[in-house]
Amino acid sequence: MYYFAGAAVIYVALSIVFIADVLRNDELATWGKAAWIAALLLTPVFAWPVYGIMRLRQRRGL
């Protein structure tokens, strides 16, 4: 029971950070932002690492 509550808190925290970062990204068009948020809602475990890798590559200029 407590594990589920902890997982829910982590999910909500990561979701808020993820959505805030997507909305602040000026390089994404509106449809791109909507697609990332939809990916978060549909497949969060897949969307977080993919977006993180994408952001690292953008910051490093790869």
C-alpha atoms as a PDB file:
ATOM      1  CA  MET A   1       0.000   0.000   0.000  1.00  0.00           C
ATOM      2  CA  TYR A   2       2.719   2.465   0.944  1.00  0.00           C
ATOM      3  CA  TYR A   3       4.714   1.567  -2.148  1.00  0.00           C
ATOM      4  CA  PHE A   4       1.800   2.595  -4.342  1.00  0.00           C
ATOM      5  CA  ALA A   5       1.513   5.942  -2.561  1.00  0.00           C
ATOM      6  CA  GLY A   6       5.240   6.546  -2.980  1.00  0.00           C
ATOM      7  CA  ALA A   7       5.077   5.645  -6.650  1.00  0.00           C
ATOM      8  CA  ALA A   8       2.110   7.966  -7.125  1.00  0.00           C
ATOM      9  CA  VAL A   9       4.004  10.873  -5.525  1.00  0.00           C
ATOM     10  CA  ILE A  10       7.024  10.232  -7.755  1.00  0.00           C
ATOM     11  CA  TYR A  11       4.796   9.992 -10.843  1.00  0.00           C
ATOM     12  CA  VAL A  12       3.043  13.285 -10.068  1.00  0.00           C
ATOM     13  CA  ALA A  13       6.323  15.087  -9.320  1.00  0.00           C
ATOM     14  CA  LEU A  14       7.981  13.846 -12.510  1.00  0.00           C
ATOM     15  CA  SER A  15       4.887  14.676 -14.538  1.00  0.00           C
ATOM     16  CA  ILE A  16       4.818  18.269 -13.280  1.00  0.00           C
ATOM     17  CA  VAL A  17       8.513  18.768 -14.042  1.00  0.00           C
ATOM     18  CA  PHE A  18       8.132  17.115 -17.447  1.00  0.00           C
ATOM     19  CA  ILE A  19       5.141  19.255 -18.461  1.00  0.00           C
ATOM     20  CA  ALA A  20       6.783  22.462 -17.200  1.00  0.00           C
ATOM     21  CA  ASP A  21       9.940  21.712 -19.204  1.00  0.00           C
ATOM     22  CA  VAL A  22       7.959  20.905 -22.341  1.00  0.00           C
ATOM     23  CA  LEU A  23       5.921  24.105 -22.087  1.00  0.00           C
ATOM     24  CA  ARG A  24       9.050  26.253 -21.534  1.00  0.00           C
ATOM     25  CA  ASN A  25      10.867  24.780 -24.541  1.00  0.00           C
ATOM     26  CA  ASP A  26      10.835  27.443 -27.272  1.00  0.00           C
ATOM     27  CA  GLU A  27      12.202  25.066 -29.905  1.00  0.00           C
ATOM     28  CA  LEU A  28       9.030  22.947 -29.913  1.00  0.00           C
ATOM     29  CA  ALA A  29       5.987  23.955 -31.904  1.00  0.00           C
ATOM     30  CA  THR A  30       2.556  23.803 -30.313  1.00  0.00           C
ATOM     31  CA  TRP A  31       1.807  20.412 -31.877  1.00  0.00           C
ATOM     32  CA  GLY A  32       5.144  19.116 -30.604  1.00  0.00           C
ATOM     33  CA  LYS A  33       4.311  20.206 -27.069  1.00  0.00           C
ATOM     34  CA  ALA A  34       0.906  18.564 -27.342  1.00  0.00           C
ATOM     35  CA  ALA A  35       2.508  15.350 -28.641  1.00  0.00           C
ATOM     36  CA  TRP A  36       4.971  15.174 -25.735  1.00  0.00           C
ATOM     37  CA  ILE A  37       2.236  15.760 -23.174  1.00  0.00           C
ATOM     38  CA  ALA A  38       0.082  13.090 -24.844  1.00  0.00           C
ATOM     39  CA  ALA A  39       3.067  10.710 -24.742  1.00  0.00           C
ATOM     40  CA  LEU A  40       3.392  11.404 -21.027  1.00  0.00           C
ATOM     41  CA  LEU A  41      -0.247  10.542 -20.436  1.00  0.00           C
ATOM     42  CA  LEU A  42      -0.204   7.409 -22.615  1.00  0.00           C
ATOM     43  CA  THR A  43       3.267   5.954 -21.956  1.00  0.00           C
ATOM     44  CA  PRO A  44       5.009   7.839 -19.142  1.00  0.00           C
ATOM     45  CA  VAL A  45       7.773   5.307 -18.495  1.00  0.00           C
ATOM     46  CA  PHE A  46       8.767   5.503 -22.168  1.00  0.00           C
ATOM     47  CA  ALA A  47       8.299   9.273 -22.589  1.00  0.00           C
ATOM     48  CA  TRP A  48      10.520  10.399 -19.678  1.00  0.00           C
ATOM     49  CA  PRO A  49      13.776   8.750 -20.804  1.00  0.00           C
ATOM     50  CA  VAL A  50      13.245   9.558 -24.487  1.00  0.00           C
ATOM     51  CA  TYR A  51      12.604  13.225 -23.733  1.00  0.00           C
ATOM     52  CA  GLY A  52      15.559  13.316 -21.337  1.00  0.00           C
ATOM     53  CA  ILE A  53      17.912  11.911 -23.974  1.00  0.00           C
ATOM     54  CA  MET A  54      16.552  14.367 -26.523  1.00  0.00           C
ATOM     55  CA  ARG A  55      17.133  17.325 -24.164  1.00  0.00           C
ATOM     56  CA  LEU A  56      20.691  16.182 -23.383  1.00  0.00           C
ATOM     57  CA  ARG A  57      21.496  16.024 -27.077  1.00  0.00           C
ATOM     58  CA  GLN A  58      20.043  19.503 -27.623  1.00  0.00           C
ATOM     59  CA  ARG A  59      22.119  20.973 -24.791  1.00  0.00           C
ATOM     60  CA  ARG A  60      25.316  19.333 -26.023  1.00  0.00           C
ATOM     61  CA  GLY A  61      24.652  20.276 -29.636  1.00  0.00           C
ATOM     62  CA  LEU A  62      24.669  16.713 -30.969  1.00  0.00           C
END
